[in-house]
Amino acid sequence: MKKAIQLDPSDNVATLLVDAIKGDKVEIISANNQVIDSVSCLQAITFGNKVALTDIASEQLITKASYPIGLAIMPIPRGELVHVQNVRSQRLDIPDNIIEEIIKQMDIEQA
C-alpha cells in the first residue's frame, strides 16, 4: 500500500512517501507510523508533494507540521494535489510565469 505522512493531527495535508497515480488509494500514517486514514488520489501526486486530507475551502489555510504554509486560492477536494496550482504562499510571492512553468514541468492535471 502506498503511504503519506500527516506530521501533526491538525494538518489538512499529508506528504506522499512514494509516487501515486490517479485513483491510487494511499494510507495516511501519523508521525509515529500508525495508520490513521486513507485517501484516494484524484490525480497523480509525486513523492514529496502534498495530498488534501479534507475538503479545503477557498481562502482556507493549508497546514503542515501544524504550521500554516499557504492559503488555498480555490476549493481543494479531499485527495487532490495541494501545490502551486491551488495554493499561494504567505511568505513568498511566486510570479505567475514561474507557477505556470512549475505546473508544466510537473505535468499537473488541472480541473
N, C-alpha and C. Protein backbone atom coordinates (compact mmCIF):
# COMPACT_ATOMS: atom_id res chain seq x y z
N MET A 1 0.85 -1.19 0.00
CA MET A 1 0.00 0.00 0.00
C MET A 1 0.89 1.24 0.00
N LYS A 2 0.51 2.21 -0.80
CA LYS A 2 1.23 3.49 -0.84
C LYS A 2 0.92 4.28 0.42
N LYS A 3 1.86 5.13 0.83
CA LYS A 3 1.70 5.85 2.10
C LYS A 3 2.01 7.34 1.94
N ALA A 4 1.39 8.10 2.84
CA ALA A 4 1.67 9.53 3.00
C ALA A 4 1.68 9.79 4.51
N ILE A 5 2.44 10.80 4.93
CA ILE A 5 2.55 11.09 6.36
C ILE A 5 1.89 12.41 6.71
N GLN A 6 1.06 12.36 7.75
CA GLN A 6 0.48 13.56 8.33
C GLN A 6 1.35 13.87 9.55
N LEU A 7 2.06 14.98 9.50
CA LEU A 7 3.05 15.28 10.54
C LEU A 7 2.43 15.71 11.86
N ASP A 8 1.23 16.29 11.81
CA ASP A 8 0.56 16.74 13.02
C ASP A 8 -0.94 16.48 12.84
N PRO A 9 -1.63 16.08 13.91
CA PRO A 9 -3.07 15.80 13.78
C PRO A 9 -3.90 16.98 13.29
N SER A 10 -3.40 18.20 13.44
CA SER A 10 -4.15 19.37 12.98
C SER A 10 -3.94 19.67 11.49
N ASP A 11 -3.02 18.98 10.84
CA ASP A 11 -2.71 19.24 9.42
C ASP A 11 -3.87 18.84 8.52
N ASN A 12 -4.07 19.62 7.46
CA ASN A 12 -5.09 19.26 6.47
C ASN A 12 -4.47 18.69 5.19
N VAL A 13 -3.16 18.41 5.25
CA VAL A 13 -2.45 17.77 4.15
C VAL A 13 -1.54 16.68 4.71
N ALA A 14 -1.18 15.74 3.83
CA ALA A 14 -0.17 14.73 4.15
C ALA A 14 0.82 14.70 2.99
N THR A 15 2.06 14.34 3.28
CA THR A 15 3.12 14.31 2.29
C THR A 15 3.31 12.89 1.77
N LEU A 16 3.24 12.73 0.44
CA LEU A 16 3.40 11.42 -0.17
C LEU A 16 4.82 10.90 0.03
N LEU A 17 4.92 9.62 0.40
CA LEU A 17 6.21 8.98 0.60
C LEU A 17 6.63 8.16 -0.61
N VAL A 18 5.77 8.11 -1.62
CA VAL A 18 6.01 7.44 -2.90
C VAL A 18 5.21 8.19 -3.96
N ASP A 19 5.48 7.90 -5.22
CA ASP A 19 4.65 8.44 -6.30
C ASP A 19 3.30 7.72 -6.29
N ALA A 20 2.24 8.45 -6.58
CA ALA A 20 0.90 7.86 -6.71
C ALA A 20 0.28 8.35 -8.00
N ILE A 21 -0.57 7.52 -8.58
CA ILE A 21 -1.28 7.91 -9.79
C ILE A 21 -2.76 8.11 -9.45
N LYS A 22 -3.45 8.74 -10.36
CA LYS A 22 -4.89 8.98 -10.18
C LYS A 22 -5.59 7.67 -9.85
N GLY A 23 -6.39 7.68 -8.79
CA GLY A 23 -7.14 6.50 -8.39
C GLY A 23 -6.45 5.65 -7.33
N ASP A 24 -5.14 5.87 -7.11
CA ASP A 24 -4.45 5.10 -6.08
C ASP A 24 -5.02 5.40 -4.70
N LYS A 25 -5.15 4.37 -3.90
CA LYS A 25 -5.53 4.54 -2.50
C LYS A 25 -4.23 4.65 -1.71
N VAL A 26 -4.15 5.67 -0.87
CA VAL A 26 -2.94 5.94 -0.10
C VAL A 26 -3.28 5.89 1.38
N GLU A 27 -2.52 5.09 2.14
CA GLU A 27 -2.68 5.07 3.59
C GLU A 27 -2.03 6.31 4.17
N ILE A 28 -2.72 6.94 5.10
CA ILE A 28 -2.17 8.10 5.80
C ILE A 28 -1.64 7.58 7.13
N ILE A 29 -0.35 7.85 7.38
CA ILE A 29 0.26 7.44 8.63
C ILE A 29 0.58 8.67 9.47
N SER A 30 0.58 8.47 10.78
CA SER A 30 0.93 9.54 11.72
C SER A 30 2.45 9.63 11.84
N ALA A 31 2.91 10.63 12.57
CA ALA A 31 4.35 10.81 12.79
C ALA A 31 4.95 9.64 13.54
N ASN A 32 4.13 8.85 14.25
CA ASN A 32 4.67 7.67 14.93
C ASN A 32 4.33 6.38 14.18
N ASN A 33 4.07 6.51 12.87
CA ASN A 33 3.92 5.39 11.94
C ASN A 33 2.66 4.55 12.16
N GLN A 34 1.60 5.15 12.68
CA GLN A 34 0.33 4.47 12.83
C GLN A 34 -0.59 4.84 11.66
N VAL A 35 -1.27 3.86 11.08
CA VAL A 35 -2.23 4.15 10.01
C VAL A 35 -3.44 4.82 10.65
N ILE A 36 -3.76 6.03 10.15
CA ILE A 36 -4.85 6.80 10.74
C ILE A 36 -5.99 7.10 9.77
N ASP A 37 -5.74 6.87 8.47
CA ASP A 37 -6.75 7.20 7.47
C ASP A 37 -6.29 6.63 6.14
N SER A 38 -7.10 6.79 5.13
CA SER A 38 -6.70 6.51 3.75
C SER A 38 -7.44 7.49 2.86
N VAL A 39 -6.87 7.74 1.70
CA VAL A 39 -7.46 8.69 0.76
C VAL A 39 -7.19 8.18 -0.65
N SER A 40 -8.13 8.40 -1.55
CA SER A 40 -7.93 8.06 -2.96
C SER A 40 -7.47 9.31 -3.69
N CYS A 41 -6.39 9.17 -4.45
CA CYS A 41 -5.83 10.32 -5.18
C CYS A 41 -6.71 10.67 -6.37
N LEU A 42 -7.04 11.94 -6.48
CA LEU A 42 -7.86 12.42 -7.59
C LEU A 42 -7.02 12.76 -8.82
N GLN A 43 -5.70 12.73 -8.65
CA GLN A 43 -4.77 12.99 -9.75
C GLN A 43 -3.42 12.43 -9.35
N ALA A 44 -2.49 12.39 -10.28
CA ALA A 44 -1.14 11.93 -9.97
C ALA A 44 -0.50 12.89 -8.96
N ILE A 45 0.17 12.32 -7.96
CA ILE A 45 0.88 13.10 -6.96
C ILE A 45 2.24 12.44 -6.76
N THR A 46 3.29 13.18 -7.00
CA THR A 46 4.63 12.61 -6.90
C THR A 46 5.17 12.68 -5.47
N PHE A 47 6.15 11.83 -5.23
CA PHE A 47 6.85 11.76 -3.94
C PHE A 47 7.18 13.15 -3.42
N GLY A 48 6.91 13.38 -2.15
CA GLY A 48 7.27 14.64 -1.50
C GLY A 48 6.24 15.74 -1.65
N ASN A 49 5.20 15.51 -2.43
CA ASN A 49 4.16 16.52 -2.59
C ASN A 49 2.98 16.18 -1.68
N LYS A 50 2.06 17.14 -1.56
CA LYS A 50 1.00 17.05 -0.57
C LYS A 50 -0.34 16.67 -1.18
N VAL A 51 -1.09 15.88 -0.41
CA VAL A 51 -2.46 15.50 -0.76
C VAL A 51 -3.39 16.10 0.28
N ALA A 52 -4.54 16.59 -0.18
CA ALA A 52 -5.55 17.14 0.74
C ALA A 52 -6.21 16.00 1.51
N LEU A 53 -6.26 16.15 2.83
CA LEU A 53 -6.89 15.15 3.69
C LEU A 53 -8.35 15.43 3.95
N THR A 54 -8.76 16.66 3.69
CA THR A 54 -10.15 17.08 3.84
C THR A 54 -10.49 17.96 2.65
N ASP A 55 -11.76 18.24 2.47
CA ASP A 55 -12.12 19.27 1.51
C ASP A 55 -11.65 20.60 2.10
N ILE A 56 -10.90 21.35 1.32
CA ILE A 56 -10.33 22.62 1.78
C ILE A 56 -11.04 23.74 1.02
N ALA A 57 -11.56 24.69 1.75
CA ALA A 57 -12.29 25.80 1.15
C ALA A 57 -11.32 26.84 0.59
N SER A 58 -11.79 27.58 -0.40
CA SER A 58 -11.03 28.71 -0.91
C SER A 58 -10.73 29.67 0.24
N GLU A 59 -9.52 30.16 0.30
CA GLU A 59 -9.02 31.09 1.32
C GLU A 59 -8.78 30.43 2.68
N GLN A 60 -8.86 29.10 2.75
CA GLN A 60 -8.54 28.39 3.98
C GLN A 60 -7.04 28.18 4.08
N LEU A 61 -6.49 28.24 5.29
CA LEU A 61 -5.07 27.99 5.49
C LEU A 61 -4.75 26.52 5.24
N ILE A 62 -3.60 26.30 4.62
CA ILE A 62 -3.05 24.96 4.46
C ILE A 62 -2.03 24.79 5.58
N THR A 63 -2.18 23.71 6.36
CA THR A 63 -1.26 23.49 7.47
C THR A 63 -0.50 22.18 7.30
N LYS A 64 0.79 22.25 7.57
CA LYS A 64 1.68 21.09 7.53
C LYS A 64 2.59 21.20 8.74
N ALA A 65 2.71 20.14 9.51
CA ALA A 65 3.50 20.13 10.75
C ALA A 65 2.99 21.19 11.71
N SER A 66 1.71 21.43 11.68
CA SER A 66 0.96 22.41 12.49
C SER A 66 1.26 23.86 12.14
N TYR A 67 1.99 24.10 11.06
CA TYR A 67 2.32 25.46 10.63
C TYR A 67 1.57 25.82 9.36
N PRO A 68 1.09 27.05 9.27
CA PRO A 68 0.45 27.48 8.02
C PRO A 68 1.52 27.61 6.93
N ILE A 69 1.27 26.96 5.79
CA ILE A 69 2.25 27.01 4.70
C ILE A 69 1.70 27.72 3.47
N GLY A 70 0.43 28.07 3.49
CA GLY A 70 -0.15 28.76 2.35
C GLY A 70 -1.64 28.94 2.53
N LEU A 71 -2.24 29.53 1.51
CA LEU A 71 -3.66 29.82 1.50
C LEU A 71 -4.26 29.26 0.22
N ALA A 72 -5.33 28.48 0.36
CA ALA A 72 -6.00 27.93 -0.82
C ALA A 72 -6.57 29.07 -1.66
N ILE A 73 -6.35 29.03 -2.96
CA ILE A 73 -6.89 30.06 -3.85
C ILE A 73 -8.16 29.59 -4.56
N MET A 74 -8.54 28.36 -4.28
CA MET A 74 -9.76 27.76 -4.82
C MET A 74 -10.12 26.58 -3.93
N PRO A 75 -11.33 26.06 -4.03
CA PRO A 75 -11.64 24.86 -3.25
C PRO A 75 -10.74 23.70 -3.69
N ILE A 76 -10.28 22.93 -2.72
CA ILE A 76 -9.42 21.77 -3.00
C ILE A 76 -10.11 20.55 -2.41
N PRO A 77 -10.57 19.63 -3.25
CA PRO A 77 -11.25 18.45 -2.71
C PRO A 77 -10.27 17.47 -2.07
N ARG A 78 -10.78 16.70 -1.12
CA ARG A 78 -10.01 15.64 -0.48
C ARG A 78 -9.44 14.73 -1.57
N GLY A 79 -8.15 14.44 -1.48
CA GLY A 79 -7.49 13.56 -2.45
C GLY A 79 -6.78 14.29 -3.57
N GLU A 80 -6.92 15.60 -3.65
CA GLU A 80 -6.27 16.37 -4.71
C GLU A 80 -4.87 16.82 -4.30
N LEU A 81 -4.01 16.97 -5.28
CA LEU A 81 -2.68 17.53 -5.08
C LEU A 81 -2.81 18.96 -4.55
N VAL A 82 -2.06 19.27 -3.51
CA VAL A 82 -2.04 20.61 -2.93
C VAL A 82 -0.69 21.20 -3.29
N HIS A 83 -0.70 22.16 -4.23
CA HIS A 83 0.56 22.71 -4.75
C HIS A 83 0.28 24.09 -5.36
N VAL A 84 1.17 24.57 -6.19
CA VAL A 84 1.10 25.94 -6.70
C VAL A 84 -0.14 26.23 -7.55
N GLN A 85 -0.79 25.20 -8.09
CA GLN A 85 -1.97 25.43 -8.93
C GLN A 85 -3.19 25.80 -8.10
N ASN A 86 -3.15 25.53 -6.77
CA ASN A 86 -4.32 25.82 -5.94
C ASN A 86 -3.98 26.45 -4.59
N VAL A 87 -2.72 26.80 -4.37
CA VAL A 87 -2.27 27.40 -3.11
C VAL A 87 -1.29 28.53 -3.40
N ARG A 88 -1.33 29.55 -2.57
CA ARG A 88 -0.33 30.62 -2.64
C ARG A 88 0.37 30.72 -1.30
N SER A 89 1.66 30.86 -1.38
CA SER A 89 2.48 31.02 -0.18
C SER A 89 2.17 32.34 0.49
N GLN A 90 2.25 32.36 1.81
CA GLN A 90 2.10 33.60 2.54
C GLN A 90 3.46 34.23 2.82
N ARG A 91 4.52 33.53 2.48
CA ARG A 91 5.88 34.03 2.72
C ARG A 91 6.58 34.50 1.46
N LEU A 92 6.24 33.90 0.33
CA LEU A 92 6.97 34.14 -0.91
C LEU A 92 5.99 34.42 -2.03
N ASP A 93 6.20 35.50 -2.75
CA ASP A 93 5.34 35.84 -3.88
C ASP A 93 5.97 35.26 -5.15
N ILE A 94 5.46 34.12 -5.59
CA ILE A 94 5.99 33.46 -6.78
C ILE A 94 5.30 34.05 -8.00
N PRO A 95 6.06 34.57 -8.95
CA PRO A 95 5.45 35.15 -10.16
C PRO A 95 4.64 34.12 -10.95
N ASP A 96 3.58 34.59 -11.60
CA ASP A 96 2.69 33.71 -12.35
C ASP A 96 3.43 32.89 -13.40
N ASN A 97 4.42 33.48 -14.07
CA ASN A 97 5.13 32.72 -15.11
C ASN A 97 5.92 31.55 -14.51
N ILE A 98 6.40 31.70 -13.29
CA ILE A 98 7.11 30.62 -12.62
C ILE A 98 6.11 29.54 -12.20
N ILE A 99 4.96 29.95 -11.69
CA ILE A 99 3.91 28.99 -11.33
C ILE A 99 3.50 28.18 -12.55
N GLU A 100 3.30 28.86 -13.67
CA GLU A 100 2.92 28.16 -14.91
C GLU A 100 4.00 27.17 -15.33
N GLU A 101 5.25 27.53 -15.17
CA GLU A 101 6.35 26.63 -15.54
C GLU A 101 6.41 25.42 -14.60
N ILE A 102 6.17 25.63 -13.31
CA ILE A 102 6.13 24.51 -12.36
C ILE A 102 5.00 23.54 -12.74
N ILE A 103 3.83 24.10 -13.04
CA ILE A 103 2.70 23.25 -13.44
C ILE A 103 3.04 22.47 -14.70
N LYS A 104 3.69 23.11 -15.66
CA LYS A 104 4.07 22.44 -16.90
C LYS A 104 5.11 21.36 -16.65
N GLN A 105 6.16 21.70 -15.90
CA GLN A 105 7.25 20.74 -15.65
C GLN A 105 6.78 19.53 -14.85
N MET A 106 5.86 19.76 -13.92
CA MET A 106 5.35 18.65 -13.10
C MET A 106 4.20 17.94 -13.77
N ASP A 107 3.73 18.47 -14.91
CA ASP A 107 2.60 17.90 -15.63
C ASP A 107 1.39 17.74 -14.72
N ILE A 108 1.08 18.83 -13.99
CA ILE A 108 -0.02 18.83 -13.04
C ILE A 108 -1.34 18.91 -13.80
N GLU A 109 -2.19 17.93 -13.54
CA GLU A 109 -3.52 17.90 -14.13
C GLU A 109 -4.37 18.97 -13.45
N GLN A 110 -5.02 19.81 -14.24
CA GLN A 110 -5.87 20.86 -13.69
C GLN A 110 -7.31 20.66 -14.11
N ALA A 111 -8.19 21.01 -13.20
CA ALA A 111 -9.64 20.88 -13.47
C ALA A 111 -10.08 21.91 -14.48
